[in-house]
Protein backbone atom coordinates (compact mmCIF):
# COMPACT_ATOMS: atom_id res chain seq x y z
CA MET A 1 0.00 0.00 0.00
CA SER A 2 1.12 3.58 -0.63
CA GLN A 3 2.35 5.31 2.48
CA ALA A 4 1.61 9.01 2.98
CA VAL A 5 4.17 10.92 5.03
CA VAL A 6 3.01 14.24 6.43
CA SER A 7 6.43 15.45 7.57
CA VAL A 8 9.54 15.62 5.39
CA ASN A 9 11.23 12.24 5.19
CA ALA A 10 14.91 12.79 4.38
CA GLY A 11 15.43 9.07 3.73
CA ILE A 12 12.91 9.06 0.90
CA LEU A 13 14.40 12.29 -0.50
CA LEU A 14 18.00 11.06 -0.18
CA PRO A 15 18.44 10.24 -3.90
CA VAL A 16 17.83 13.95 -4.51
CA LEU A 17 19.51 15.36 -1.41
CA ALA A 18 22.74 13.37 -1.71
CA PRO A 19 23.94 14.84 -5.02
CA ALA A 20 22.62 18.30 -4.08
CA VAL A 21 24.49 18.29 -0.78
CA GLY A 22 27.53 16.84 -2.56
CA ALA A 23 27.56 19.80 -4.96
CA ALA A 24 27.47 22.24 -2.03
CA VAL A 25 30.24 20.37 -0.17
CA VAL A 26 32.45 20.43 -3.26
CA LEU A 27 32.09 24.19 -3.64
CA VAL A 28 32.68 24.85 0.07
CA THR A 29 35.70 22.55 0.08
CA ASP A 30 37.15 24.34 -2.93
CA VAL A 31 36.82 27.68 -1.16
CA ALA A 32 38.30 26.39 2.11
CA VAL A 33 41.21 24.44 0.59
CA GLN A 34 42.66 25.59 -2.72
CA HIS A 35 44.27 23.48 -5.47
CA LEU A 36 42.30 20.35 -4.73
CA ARG A 37 41.33 18.27 -7.72
CA ARG A 38 40.82 14.58 -7.11
CA VAL A 39 39.16 15.28 -3.74
CA HIS A 40 36.27 16.89 -5.59
CA TYR A 41 35.69 13.71 -7.54
CA VAL A 42 35.90 11.57 -4.43
CA ILE A 43 33.29 13.71 -2.66
CA ALA A 44 31.05 13.55 -5.71
CA LEU A 45 31.33 9.79 -6.12
CA VAL A 46 30.56 9.25 -2.44
CA SER A 47 27.45 11.41 -2.67
CA LEU A 48 26.29 9.56 -5.79
CA VAL A 49 26.83 6.17 -4.16
CA VAL A 50 24.85 7.29 -1.10
CA GLY A 51 22.02 8.46 -3.34
CA ALA A 52 22.11 5.19 -5.31
CA LEU A 53 21.90 3.09 -2.14
CA ALA A 54 18.89 5.12 -1.03
CA THR A 55 16.97 4.06 -4.14
CA PHE A 56 17.13 0.35 -3.26
CA ALA A 57 14.06 0.53 -0.99
CA GLY A 58 11.91 1.50 -3.97
CA LEU A 59 13.21 -1.02 -6.51
CA GLY A 60 10.86 -3.80 -7.57
CA MET A 61 7.84 -2.49 -5.66
CA VAL A 62 4.51 -3.92 -6.78
CA GLY A 63 2.18 -1.77 -8.87
CA GLY A 64 0.42 0.98 -6.94
CA SER A 65 2.95 1.08 -4.13
CA ALA A 66 5.10 4.13 -3.56
CA ARG A 67 7.18 5.84 -0.90
CA ARG A 68 5.72 9.30 -0.41
CA THR A 69 6.73 12.50 1.33
CA LEU A 70 6.04 16.25 1.21
CA CYS A 71 2.34 15.45 1.59
CA LEU A 72 -0.44 17.95 2.32
CA PRO A 73 -2.08 17.05 5.65
CA GLY A 74 -5.55 15.60 5.30
CA SER A 75 -5.62 15.69 1.50
CA GLY A 76 -3.70 12.58 0.54
CA LEU A 77 -1.83 14.62 -2.06
CA CYS A 78 1.98 14.43 -2.04
CA MET A 79 4.54 16.41 -3.97
CA TYR A 80 7.02 13.53 -4.08
CA ALA A 81 6.45 9.83 -4.68
CA ALA A 82 9.10 7.21 -5.41
CA ASP A 83 7.65 4.01 -6.86
CA SER A 84 9.54 1.25 -8.66
CA VAL A 85 9.81 3.12 -11.97
CA ALA A 86 10.92 6.39 -10.37
CA SER A 87 13.45 4.65 -8.11
CA THR A 88 14.92 2.68 -11.02
CA LEU A 89 15.32 5.80 -13.14
CA GLN A 90 16.90 7.59 -10.17
CA LEU A 91 19.37 4.74 -9.73
CA ALA A 92 20.21 4.84 -13.44
CA ALA A 93 20.78 8.62 -13.35
CA LEU A 94 23.06 8.42 -10.31
CA LEU A 95 25.15 5.59 -11.77
CA ALA A 96 25.37 7.32 -15.16
CA ALA A 97 26.60 10.47 -13.42
CA ALA A 98 29.23 8.43 -11.59
CA LEU A 99 30.43 6.99 -14.91
CA THR A 100 30.62 10.52 -16.32
CA LEU A 101 32.90 11.56 -13.48
CA LEU A 102 35.11 8.52 -14.04
CA LEU A 103 35.45 9.40 -17.71
CA SER A 104 36.38 13.01 -16.86
CA TRP A 105 38.90 11.97 -14.19
CA PRO A 106 41.92 11.78 -16.58
CA ASP A 107 41.52 15.49 -17.38
CA ASP A 108 41.78 16.36 -13.69
CA LYS A 109 45.41 17.50 -13.84
CA LYS A 110 44.70 19.77 -16.79
CA GLN A 111 42.10 21.81 -14.98
CA SER A 112 42.97 25.17 -13.48
CA PRO A 113 42.40 25.63 -9.73
CA GLY A 114 38.67 25.65 -9.14
CA GLY A 115 37.93 24.22 -12.56
CA THR A 116 37.21 20.74 -11.35
CA ALA A 117 35.00 22.07 -8.56
CA VAL A 118 32.81 23.85 -11.10
CA ILE A 119 32.54 20.82 -13.36
CA VAL A 120 31.80 18.38 -10.54
CA SER A 121 29.26 20.66 -8.86
CA LEU A 122 27.43 21.23 -12.15
CA VAL A 123 27.27 17.48 -12.81
CA LEU A 124 25.91 16.88 -9.32
CA ALA A 125 23.36 19.69 -9.61
CA ALA A 126 22.04 18.34 -12.92
CA THR A 127 21.89 14.84 -11.43
CA ALA A 128 19.90 16.14 -8.47
CA GLY A 129 17.43 17.63 -10.93
CA ALA A 130 17.19 14.31 -12.80
CA THR A 131 16.41 12.37 -9.63
CA ALA A 132 13.97 15.02 -8.39
CA VAL A 133 11.90 15.09 -11.58
CA ALA A 134 11.42 11.32 -11.42
CA GLY A 135 9.67 11.67 -8.06
CA ALA A 136 7.93 15.03 -8.57
CA ARG A 137 4.15 14.87 -8.52
CA ASP A 138 3.19 18.57 -8.54
CA VAL A 139 3.58 20.90 -11.50
CA GLY A 140 5.90 23.36 -9.75
CA SER A 141 8.42 20.82 -8.49
CA TRP A 142 8.25 18.92 -11.79
CA LEU A 143 9.05 22.02 -13.84
CA VAL A 144 11.84 23.31 -11.58
CA ALA A 145 13.47 19.89 -11.29
CA LEU A 146 13.43 19.36 -15.05
CA GLU A 147 15.11 22.71 -15.67
CA LEU A 148 17.65 21.99 -12.92
CA ALA A 149 18.54 18.84 -14.84
CA THR A 150 18.97 20.88 -18.04
CA LEU A 151 20.57 24.28 -17.38
CA PRO A 152 23.85 23.05 -15.79
CA THR A 153 24.53 21.02 -18.95
CA VAL A 154 24.67 24.25 -20.96
CA ALA A 155 27.58 25.46 -18.81
CA LEU A 156 29.23 22.03 -18.95
CA VAL A 157 29.21 22.11 -22.75
CA ALA A 158 30.53 25.69 -22.89
CA LEU A 159 33.35 25.19 -20.35
CA ARG A 160 35.55 23.58 -22.98
CA GLY A 161 35.95 27.06 -24.48
CA ALA A 162 36.42 25.99 -28.11
CA ARG A 163 34.36 27.55 -30.88
CA SER A 164 32.48 24.29 -31.42
CA ALA A 165 31.74 24.13 -27.69
CA ILE A 166 30.31 27.65 -27.64
CA SER A 167 28.23 26.86 -30.72
CA GLY A 168 26.92 23.68 -29.10
CA ALA A 169 26.18 25.49 -25.83
CA ILE A 170 24.24 28.23 -27.64
CA ALA A 171 22.21 25.61 -29.50
CA LEU A 172 21.50 23.81 -26.23
CA LEU A 173 20.64 27.05 -24.41
CA THR A 174 18.26 28.13 -27.16
CA THR A 175 16.59 24.75 -27.06
CA ALA A 176 16.36 24.85 -23.27
CA LEU A 177 14.67 28.27 -23.33
CA VAL A 178 12.14 27.21 -25.97
CA SER A 179 11.51 23.99 -24.10
CA PHE A 180 10.97 25.83 -20.82
CA GLY A 181 8.50 28.18 -22.47
CA LEU A 182 6.50 25.25 -23.84
CA LEU A 183 6.57 23.41 -20.53
CA ALA A 184 5.49 26.51 -18.62
CA LEU A 185 2.62 26.91 -21.07
CA SER A 186 1.67 23.25 -20.62
CA ALA A 187 1.68 23.72 -16.84
CA ALA A 188 -0.70 26.66 -17.17
CA LEU A 189 -2.95 24.64 -19.49
CA TRP A 190 -2.93 21.72 -17.06
CA PHE A 191 -4.01 23.93 -14.17
CA THR A 192 -6.70 25.55 -16.33
CA ALA A 193 -8.07 22.17 -17.37
CA THR A 194 -7.88 20.37 -14.04
CA GLY A 195 -7.91 23.12 -11.42
CA SER A 196 -5.13 21.20 -9.66
CA GLY A 197 -1.40 21.68 -9.36
CA PHE A 198 -0.79 17.94 -8.97
CA LEU A 199 0.05 15.56 -11.81
CA THR A 200 -2.23 12.72 -10.81
CA PRO A 201 -4.84 10.59 -12.63
CA ALA A 202 -7.50 11.95 -10.27
CA ALA A 203 -6.77 15.50 -11.43
CA GLY A 204 -6.83 14.40 -15.05
CA LEU A 205 -10.20 12.70 -14.65
CA VAL A 206 -11.78 16.00 -13.63
CA ALA A 207 -10.98 17.45 -17.06
CA ILE A 208 -11.64 14.23 -18.97
CA ASN A 209 -15.23 14.08 -17.70
CA ASP A 210 -15.89 17.73 -18.60
CA PRO A 211 -16.42 18.27 -22.36
CA ALA A 212 -15.40 21.92 -22.02
CA ARG A 213 -12.11 21.14 -20.28
CA ARG A 214 -11.11 18.02 -22.19
CA PRO A 215 -9.71 19.87 -25.28
CA ILE A 216 -7.60 22.05 -23.00
CA LEU A 217 -6.15 18.94 -21.35
CA VAL A 218 -5.38 17.39 -24.73
CA LEU A 219 -3.62 20.60 -25.78
CA ALA A 220 -1.63 20.58 -22.52
CA VAL A 221 -0.41 17.05 -23.20
CA VAL A 222 0.59 17.85 -26.80
CA VAL A 223 2.55 20.90 -25.62
CA VAL A 224 4.25 18.75 -22.96
CA ILE A 225 5.32 16.25 -25.62
CA ALA A 226 6.80 19.11 -27.66
CA GLY A 227 8.63 20.59 -24.67
CA ILE A 228 10.11 17.30 -23.53
CA GLY A 229 10.76 16.34 -27.15
CA PHE A 230 13.54 18.95 -27.17
CA LYS A 231 15.20 17.29 -24.19
CA LEU A 232 14.76 13.75 -25.52
CA SER A 233 16.16 14.74 -28.96
CA LEU A 234 12.97 13.71 -30.74
CA VAL A 235 12.46 14.93 -34.31
CA PRO A 236 11.68 17.75 -35.11
CA PHE A 237 13.15 19.04 -31.84
CA HIS A 238 16.55 17.39 -32.32
CA ALA A 239 18.65 20.00 -34.14
CA TRP A 240 20.75 20.87 -31.09
CA THR A 241 21.91 17.30 -30.49
CA PRO A 242 24.76 16.87 -33.03
CA GLU A 243 26.11 20.35 -32.32
CA ALA A 244 26.07 19.98 -28.54
CA TYR A 245 27.49 16.46 -28.54
CA ASP A 246 30.29 17.33 -30.95
CA GLY A 247 31.21 20.55 -29.18
CA ALA A 248 31.12 19.21 -25.63
CA PRO A 249 33.97 17.37 -23.91
CA LEU A 250 33.51 13.65 -24.43
CA PRO A 251 32.43 12.91 -20.81
CA ILE A 252 29.81 15.66 -21.02
CA ALA A 253 28.52 14.23 -24.29
CA ALA A 254 28.12 10.95 -22.41
CA PHE A 255 26.27 12.85 -19.67
CA LEU A 256 23.90 14.33 -22.25
CA ALA A 257 23.28 10.88 -23.72
CA GLY A 258 22.73 9.29 -20.32
CA VAL A 259 21.58 11.41 -17.39
CA SER A 260 19.81 14.07 -19.47
CA LYS A 261 17.79 11.49 -21.38
CA ILE A 262 16.85 9.70 -18.15
CA ALA A 263 15.62 12.99 -16.70
CA ALA A 264 13.59 13.79 -19.81
CA LEU A 265 11.89 10.39 -19.93
CA ALA A 266 11.20 10.50 -16.19
CA ALA A 267 9.45 13.84 -16.69
CA LEU A 268 7.41 12.49 -19.59
CA LEU A 269 6.38 9.36 -17.68
CA VAL A 270 5.03 11.47 -14.81
CA VAL A 271 2.66 13.17 -17.27
CA ILE A 272 1.78 10.01 -19.23
CA ARG A 273 0.71 8.24 -16.04
CA ALA A 274 -1.41 11.21 -15.04
CA ILE A 275 -3.31 11.31 -18.35
CA ALA A 276 -3.62 7.54 -18.86
CA PRO A 277 -7.46 7.69 -18.59
CA LEU A 278 -7.53 10.19 -21.46
CA GLY A 279 -6.94 7.43 -24.01
CA ALA A 280 -5.39 7.54 -27.45
CA PRO A 281 -5.94 11.06 -28.94
CA PRO A 282 -2.97 12.91 -27.37
CA LEU A 283 -0.74 9.84 -27.77
CA ALA A 284 -0.99 10.10 -31.56
CA ALA A 285 1.62 12.86 -31.36
CA ILE A 286 4.02 10.43 -29.68
CA ALA A 287 3.46 7.86 -32.43
CA ILE A 288 4.31 10.39 -35.13
CA VAL A 289 7.48 11.78 -33.52
CA SER A 290 8.59 8.25 -32.63
CA ALA A 291 8.33 7.04 -36.24
CA ILE A 292 10.07 10.10 -37.67
CA SER A 293 12.81 10.12 -35.02
CA MET A 294 13.93 6.53 -35.46
CA THR A 295 13.86 6.83 -39.26
CA LEU A 296 15.74 10.13 -39.60
CA GLY A 297 18.18 9.20 -36.82
CA ASN A 298 19.15 5.94 -38.49
CA ILE A 299 19.49 7.48 -41.95
CA MET A 300 21.69 10.29 -40.69
CA ALA A 301 23.81 7.96 -38.54
CA LEU A 302 24.61 5.92 -41.66
CA ARG A 303 26.14 9.05 -43.22
CA GLN A 304 28.40 10.01 -40.31
CA ASN A 305 32.16 9.46 -40.21
CA GLY A 306 32.64 11.29 -36.93
CA VAL A 307 32.20 9.09 -33.87
CA VAL A 308 30.48 11.68 -31.66
CA ARG A 309 28.08 12.81 -34.39
CA PHE A 310 27.35 9.16 -35.10
CA LEU A 311 26.41 8.70 -31.44
CA ALA A 312 24.36 11.90 -31.50
CA TRP A 313 22.23 10.67 -34.41
CA SER A 314 22.08 7.27 -32.75
CA THR A 315 20.55 9.04 -29.76
CA VAL A 316 17.89 10.58 -32.00
CA ALA A 317 17.01 7.16 -33.42
CA GLN A 318 17.01 5.48 -30.02
CA ALA A 319 14.82 8.26 -28.58
CA GLY A 320 12.17 7.19 -31.07
CA TRP A 321 12.36 3.65 -29.70
CA VAL A 322 12.24 4.92 -26.11
CA VAL A 323 8.89 6.67 -26.59
CA LEU A 324 7.50 4.04 -29.00
CA PRO A 325 5.58 2.06 -26.32
CA LEU A 326 3.99 5.28 -25.01
CA ALA A 327 2.09 5.65 -28.28
CA ALA A 328 -0.13 2.75 -27.18
CA VAL A 329 -2.83 2.73 -24.53
CA SER A 330 -1.33 -0.12 -22.51
CA SER A 331 -0.68 -0.80 -18.86
CA GLY A 332 2.81 -2.06 -19.69
CA ALA A 333 3.83 0.90 -21.88
CA VAL A 334 5.53 2.82 -19.07
CA HIS A 335 7.59 -0.20 -17.99
CA ALA A 336 8.53 -1.01 -21.59
CA SER A 337 9.66 2.56 -22.19
CA GLY A 338 11.70 2.61 -18.98
CA ALA A 339 13.31 -0.75 -19.80
CA TYR A 340 14.30 0.40 -23.28
CA LEU A 341 15.81 3.62 -21.92
CA LEU A 342 17.93 1.67 -19.44
CA ALA A 343 19.14 -0.72 -22.16
CA TYR A 344 19.98 2.22 -24.44
CA ALA A 345 21.77 4.18 -21.70
CA LEU A 346 23.86 1.20 -20.60
CA ALA A 347 25.02 0.33 -24.13
CA THR A 348 25.64 3.97 -25.11
CA LEU A 349 27.64 4.72 -21.97
CA LEU A 350 29.78 1.64 -22.67
CA ILE A 351 30.52 2.94 -26.16
CA PHE A 352 31.38 6.39 -24.81
CA ALA A 353 33.70 4.79 -22.24
CA VAL A 354 35.54 2.87 -24.96
CA VAL A 355 35.84 6.03 -27.09
CA ALA A 356 37.22 7.89 -24.05
CA ALA A 357 39.84 5.15 -23.63
CA MET A 358 40.77 5.46 -27.31
CA VAL A 359 41.14 9.24 -26.93
CA GLN A 360 43.74 8.62 -24.25
CA ILE A 361 45.51 5.95 -26.29
CA ARG A 362 45.41 7.39 -29.81
CA GLY A 363 44.52 11.04 -29.32
CA ALA A 364 41.27 12.93 -29.81
CA ALA A 365 41.60 13.41 -33.57
CA ARG A 366 41.95 9.70 -34.36
CA ALA A 367 39.51 8.50 -31.69
CA ARG A 368 36.76 10.76 -33.06
CA ASP A 369 37.15 9.41 -36.62
CA LEU A 370 35.10 6.31 -37.37
CA ASN A 371 37.57 5.04 -39.96
CA GLU A 372 40.44 5.15 -37.46
CA TYR A 373 38.87 2.20 -35.63
CA ARG A 374 39.91 -0.09 -38.46
CA GLY A 375 41.88 -3.00 -37.04
CA LEU A 376 41.02 -2.18 -33.43
CA LEU A 377 40.31 -5.85 -32.73
CA GLY A 378 43.90 -6.74 -33.45
CA ASP A 379 45.44 -3.78 -31.61
CA HIS A 380 43.20 -3.66 -28.53
CA PRO A 381 41.04 -6.81 -28.43
CA VAL A 382 39.51 -6.09 -25.01
CA LEU A 383 38.36 -2.58 -25.93
CA ALA A 384 37.20 -3.81 -29.34
CA SER A 385 35.14 -6.57 -27.71
CA ALA A 386 33.57 -4.07 -25.30
CA LEU A 387 32.76 -1.72 -28.18
CA GLY A 388 31.28 -4.60 -30.15
CA LEU A 389 29.07 -5.60 -27.24
CA GLY A 390 27.71 -2.05 -26.98
CA LEU A 391 27.05 -1.80 -30.71
CA LEU A 392 25.36 -5.21 -30.90
CA SER A 393 23.18 -4.30 -27.92
CA LEU A 394 21.98 -1.13 -29.66
CA ALA A 395 21.39 -3.17 -32.82
CA GLY A 396 19.47 -5.82 -30.87
CA LEU A 397 21.72 -8.68 -31.98
CA PRO A 398 23.32 -11.51 -29.96
CA PRO A 399 25.21 -11.47 -27.69
CA GLY A 400 23.59 -8.13 -26.87
CA PHE A 401 20.39 -9.85 -25.82
CA LEU A 402 19.36 -6.93 -23.61
CA GLY A 403 18.88 -4.74 -26.67
CA LEU A 404 16.87 -7.48 -28.41
CA VAL A 405 14.60 -7.98 -25.41
CA ALA A 406 14.17 -4.21 -25.05
CA LYS A 407 13.08 -3.88 -28.69
CA VAL A 408 10.58 -6.74 -28.32
CA ALA A 409 9.23 -5.16 -25.13
CA ALA A 410 8.91 -1.77 -26.86
CA LEU A 411 7.03 -3.29 -29.79
CA ARG A 412 4.64 -5.39 -27.69
CA PRO A 413 2.30 -2.54 -26.56
CA VAL A 414 2.18 -1.22 -30.12
CA VAL A 415 1.19 -4.61 -31.53
CA THR A 416 -1.28 -5.22 -28.71
CA SER A 417 -2.97 -1.91 -29.48
CA GLU A 418 -3.04 -2.83 -33.19
CA LEU A 419 -1.06 0.21 -34.33
CA TRP A 420 0.10 -1.74 -37.35
CA TRP A 421 1.48 1.19 -39.34
CA LEU A 422 3.72 2.13 -36.42
CA ALA A 423 4.76 -1.48 -35.86
CA VAL A 424 5.80 -1.80 -39.52
CA ILE A 425 7.87 1.40 -39.37
CA ALA A 426 9.52 0.18 -36.17
CA ALA A 427 10.32 -3.20 -37.76
CA VAL A 428 11.88 -1.51 -40.79
CA ASN A 429 13.95 0.70 -38.50
CA ALA A 430 15.06 -2.33 -36.50
CA VAL A 431 16.60 -3.70 -39.71
CA LEU A 432 18.01 -0.28 -40.63
CA GLY A 433 19.51 0.00 -37.14
CA VAL A 434 21.35 -3.28 -37.68
CA ALA A 435 23.03 -1.74 -40.73
CA VAL A 436 23.88 1.41 -38.75
CA TYR A 437 25.73 -0.35 -35.94
CA LEU A 438 27.22 -3.18 -37.99
CA ARG A 439 28.88 -0.55 -40.16
CA TRP A 440 31.04 0.54 -37.21
CA LEU A 441 31.52 -3.03 -36.02
CA LEU A 442 32.78 -4.18 -39.42
CA ILE A 443 35.36 -1.39 -39.34
CA VAL A 444 36.50 -2.54 -35.89
CA ILE A 445 37.04 -6.18 -36.89
CA SER A 446 38.51 -5.46 -40.34
CA THR A 447 42.22 -5.67 -41.10
CA PRO A 448 43.92 -2.29 -41.54
CA ASP A 449 45.36 -1.45 -44.93
CA ALA A 450 49.16 -1.57 -44.73
CA SER A 451 49.42 1.48 -46.99
CA VAL A 452 47.57 3.67 -44.53
CA GLN A 453 49.09 2.41 -41.29
CA ALA A 454 50.71 5.03 -39.11
CA PRO A 455 54.46 5.38 -39.79
CA ALA A 456 56.93 4.13 -37.23
CA PRO A 457 58.22 6.78 -34.82
CA LYS A 458 61.32 8.59 -35.99
CA VAL A 459 64.62 8.13 -34.21
CA PRO A 460 65.84 11.40 -32.66
CA ASP A 461 69.47 11.15 -33.83
CA GLY A 462 68.84 9.09 -36.93
CA THR A 463 71.33 6.43 -35.91
CA SER A 464 69.58 3.91 -33.66
CA PRO A 465 66.01 2.98 -32.82
CA VAL A 466 64.59 3.95 -29.46
CA ALA A 467 61.95 2.24 -27.39
CA VAL A 468 58.58 3.88 -27.45
CA GLN A 469 56.52 3.63 -24.29
CA ALA A 470 53.02 2.33 -24.88
CA VAL A 471 50.23 4.76 -24.11
CA ARG A 472 47.50 3.28 -21.97
CA ALA A 473 44.08 4.37 -20.88
CA HIS A 474 43.61 5.89 -17.44
CA PRO A 475 42.57 3.40 -14.72
CA ALA A 476 39.39 5.38 -14.00
CA THR A 477 38.33 5.06 -17.63
CA LEU A 478 39.05 1.33 -17.57
CA VAL A 479 36.92 1.03 -14.43
CA ALA A 480 34.05 2.71 -16.31
CA VAL A 481 34.51 0.31 -19.22
CA GLY A 482 34.66 -2.71 -16.92
CA PHE A 483 31.61 -1.68 -14.90
CA THR A 484 29.43 -1.12 -17.96
CA VAL A 485 30.61 -4.36 -19.60
CA VAL A 486 29.76 -6.39 -16.49
CA ALA A 487 26.38 -4.69 -16.15
CA LEU A 488 25.56 -5.23 -19.82
CA VAL A 489 26.63 -8.88 -19.75
CA LEU A 490 24.62 -9.64 -16.61
CA THR A 491 21.48 -7.95 -17.89
CA SER A 492 21.86 -9.64 -21.29
CA LEU A 493 22.10 -13.04 -19.62
CA ASN A 494 19.12 -12.24 -17.40
CA PRO A 495 17.00 -9.39 -18.82
CA GLN A 496 14.38 -10.08 -16.17
CA MET A 497 16.84 -8.60 -13.68
CA LEU A 498 16.36 -5.19 -15.29
CA VAL A 499 12.62 -5.59 -15.82
CA GLY A 500 12.22 -6.66 -12.21
CA LEU A 501 13.68 -3.37 -10.96
CA LEU A 502 10.84 -1.54 -12.71
CA GLY A 503 8.31 -3.57 -10.76
CA GLN A 504 6.90 -5.59 -13.61
């Protein structure tokens, strides 16, 4: 049974409080003790682990159960509720943020004093917003938390300082402002239609049963889909994605692909569950953007030779799959969407971790070029195998069984609801997606052309060869690779493990 808590329960709020407090501690520590770098990361990782542990109580809860706090006395209405879906998305956001920090760890020594404190605190602040929006049940908290998950990423993209970074940050900022305007408008429409500031099915039913208010509620939902579509990189709201990914530092691009997408879906699921009684009309918009997103994303990914832009267009295509189940009026749509997002995030973060390792080994220019991965299997078999596992998971091919199960789960509500046109488009894109990811995989396992191999290092004095020390990836990056590989292997062997966390 759901438990209403009149007073503030810090234990239930800990997934939100831990990263928020961690961000404050990092900034205070940086002011008190100068020239610290790795300490900031340690504080951040500890806060993220604490927040992750706090989500365990909500994992796998049966349907209808939730841990509630910030409740209005005597009304039964609560501003925060953590059920199985919300807790699982919170756990995913916290772990994805931890992986982002591990990937940024090698750049620690290059940061100026105070630089790492800013980066770490911004990551933690955005993560706090991502965990808060998953549990928010009132319009005000939902809107503020979603923007808290978004605005710090603009600064994170711009901090690199390069022209491409500034361009990407401007594109992201413009998108964020437009998205906020749409979401604020949707909040006003929701309150007009329902007379309530809470995102609950009971509030939605008030408008659904009133012919005069029902069109306003439908309009509110359509505007919400548009506003969150910007954050999820759904077509036609996707234009910022390639620019921001390519301009951002690689760990921040991984953050945008992981934590930001988790926050956006969490926000959308809060609304979808509140308007479930409304039926199919507003969900038609989701079906359309889903079909267009997966199609355009796959086609554009096939044309990319840059690794980061490839992953950006992959995100657009995968966003279409993430929202695909939500186009159907089905009790399992929310769980299917959440499961697909987790599968996508895990595989994508693994690929980003491998690319980060290659940046350290071969340099940024070569690691960001798709063709430079030719022969990787022979040079670095472990990293090549990890990259292959991530690509096969996104393609939905063995041994990436998690991706296959996620695609089947995403298609099931669509087929059950007899949305045959959407099911056909999804099936075609599943085949097209195989071509997208196998293209990179075939480059990885191919033999490099001897005529284009890198020349041997020159001898300084021209008289005798010298030993060249091998360049290796940073241990923190290898930890990120290892963690994501283990997680992906375990969930591929037992997909029910992931589904069980969502309470299904």
